[in-house]
Amino acid sequence: MEQVTAFKASDGALFSNSDDCQGYEISLLWRSRIDEFTASGLNPYSSGIQSGMCKKIIVSWERFKTGT
């Protein structure tokens, strides 16, 4: 048997490292606004794989701004 370390997000999701967990937490905080933006006419990448990439970039930007 092996003991493992996991990081638990506020909604119960588990992650193997703190970086992924922090990114997920920020996405939870901003999810509705990010979804609103990505569905708006201001987002040039509103569908397909680019939409997912856009969401990840926004989450990364918010993490960069807060230093987390």
C-alpha atoms as a PDB file:
ATOM      1  CA  MET A   1       0.000   0.000   0.000  1.00  0.00           C
ATOM      2  CA  GLU A   2       1.197   3.509  -0.789  1.00  0.00           C
ATOM      3  CA  GLN A   3       0.143   6.742   0.861  1.00  0.00           C
ATOM      4  CA  VAL A   4      -0.529   9.573  -1.581  1.00  0.00           C
ATOM      5  CA  THR A   5      -0.972  13.315  -1.231  1.00  0.00           C
ATOM      6  CA  ALA A   6      -3.946  15.009  -2.845  1.00  0.00           C
ATOM      7  CA  PHE A   7      -5.258  18.557  -2.933  1.00  0.00           C
ATOM      8  CA  LYS A   8      -8.995  19.029  -2.487  1.00  0.00           C
ATOM      9  CA  ALA A   9     -10.850  21.940  -4.098  1.00  0.00           C
ATOM     10  CA  SER A  10     -13.784  23.654  -2.399  1.00  0.00           C
ATOM     11  CA  ASP A  11     -16.257  21.566  -4.411  1.00  0.00           C
ATOM     12  CA  GLY A  12     -14.554  18.284  -3.499  1.00  0.00           C
ATOM     13  CA  ALA A  13     -12.571  17.756  -6.701  1.00  0.00           C
ATOM     14  CA  LEU A  14      -9.173  16.141  -6.053  1.00  0.00           C
ATOM     15  CA  PHE A  15      -5.870  17.042  -7.696  1.00  0.00           C
ATOM     16  CA  SER A  16      -2.406  15.532  -7.522  1.00  0.00           C
ATOM     17  CA  ASN A  17      -0.687  18.917  -7.239  1.00  0.00           C
ATOM     18  CA  SER A  18      -1.465  22.306  -5.749  1.00  0.00           C
ATOM     19  CA  ASP A  19      -0.954  24.210  -9.009  1.00  0.00           C
ATOM     20  CA  ASP A  20      -3.764  22.370 -10.787  1.00  0.00           C
ATOM     21  CA  CYS A  21      -5.999  22.731  -7.741  1.00  0.00           C
ATOM     22  CA  GLN A  22      -5.390  26.501  -7.536  1.00  0.00           C
ATOM     23  CA  GLY A  23      -6.167  26.918 -11.226  1.00  0.00           C
ATOM     24  CA  TYR A  24      -9.368  24.971 -10.783  1.00  0.00           C
ATOM     25  CA  GLU A  25     -10.379  27.086  -7.764  1.00  0.00           C
ATOM     26  CA  ILE A  26      -9.940  30.267  -9.797  1.00  0.00           C
ATOM     27  CA  SER A  27     -11.999  28.776 -12.616  1.00  0.00           C
ATOM     28  CA  LEU A  28     -14.767  28.069 -10.085  1.00  0.00           C
ATOM     29  CA  LEU A  29     -14.727  31.688  -8.922  1.00  0.00           C
ATOM     30  CA  TRP A  30     -14.808  33.107 -12.431  1.00  0.00           C
ATOM     31  CA  ARG A  31     -16.698  30.372 -14.307  1.00  0.00           C
ATOM     32  CA  SER A  32     -19.932  32.288 -14.924  1.00  0.00           C
ATOM     33  CA  ARG A  33     -18.147  35.453 -16.108  1.00  0.00           C
ATOM     34  CA  ILE A  34     -15.726  33.482 -18.285  1.00  0.00           C
ATOM     35  CA  ASP A  35     -18.644  31.580 -19.842  1.00  0.00           C
ATOM     36  CA  GLU A  36     -20.466  34.870 -20.390  1.00  0.00           C
ATOM     37  CA  PHE A  37     -17.441  36.342 -22.158  1.00  0.00           C
ATOM     38  CA  THR A  38     -16.679  33.301 -24.293  1.00  0.00           C
ATOM     39  CA  ALA A  39     -20.300  33.214 -25.492  1.00  0.00           C
ATOM     40  CA  SER A  40     -20.338  36.950 -26.270  1.00  0.00           C
ATOM     41  CA  GLY A  41     -19.640  38.643 -29.571  1.00  0.00           C
ATOM     42  CA  LEU A  42     -16.462  40.137 -28.061  1.00  0.00           C
ATOM     43  CA  ASN A  43     -14.759  36.740 -28.067  1.00  0.00           C
ATOM     44  CA  PRO A  44     -13.343  35.957 -31.511  1.00  0.00           C
ATOM     45  CA  TYR A  45     -12.967  32.269 -30.517  1.00  0.00           C
ATOM     46  CA  SER A  46     -16.455  31.374 -29.337  1.00  0.00           C
ATOM     47  CA  SER A  47     -16.520  27.766 -30.529  1.00  0.00           C
ATOM     48  CA  GLY A  48     -14.350  24.741 -31.073  1.00  0.00           C
ATOM     49  CA  ILE A  49     -11.027  23.987 -29.465  1.00  0.00           C
ATOM     50  CA  GLN A  50     -10.115  27.677 -29.370  1.00  0.00           C
ATOM     51  CA  SER A  51     -12.954  28.338 -26.918  1.00  0.00           C
ATOM     52  CA  GLY A  52     -11.438  25.929 -24.388  1.00  0.00           C
ATOM     53  CA  MET A  53      -8.012  27.441 -24.899  1.00  0.00           C
ATOM     54  CA  CYS A  54      -9.447  30.909 -24.371  1.00  0.00           C
ATOM     55  CA  LYS A  55     -10.974  29.859 -21.031  1.00  0.00           C
ATOM     56  CA  LYS A  56      -7.652  28.408 -19.858  1.00  0.00           C
ATOM     57  CA  ILE A  57      -5.821  31.583 -20.839  1.00  0.00           C
ATOM     58  CA  ILE A  58      -8.275  33.725 -18.879  1.00  0.00           C
ATOM     59  CA  VAL A  59      -7.861  31.542 -15.787  1.00  0.00           C
ATOM     60  CA  SER A  60      -4.069  31.728 -16.157  1.00  0.00           C
ATOM     61  CA  TRP A  61      -4.252  35.506 -16.498  1.00  0.00           C
ATOM     62  CA  GLU A  62      -6.330  35.819 -13.326  1.00  0.00           C
ATOM     63  CA  ARG A  63      -3.824  33.632 -11.472  1.00  0.00           C
ATOM     64  CA  PHE A  64      -0.963  35.780 -12.790  1.00  0.00           C
ATOM     65  CA  LYS A  65      -2.678  38.980 -11.641  1.00  0.00           C
ATOM     66  CA  THR A  66      -3.224  37.659  -8.107  1.00  0.00           C
ATOM     67  CA  GLY A  67       0.143  35.946  -7.850  1.00  0.00           C
ATOM     68  CA  THR A  68      -1.347  32.526  -7.024  1.00  0.00           C
END
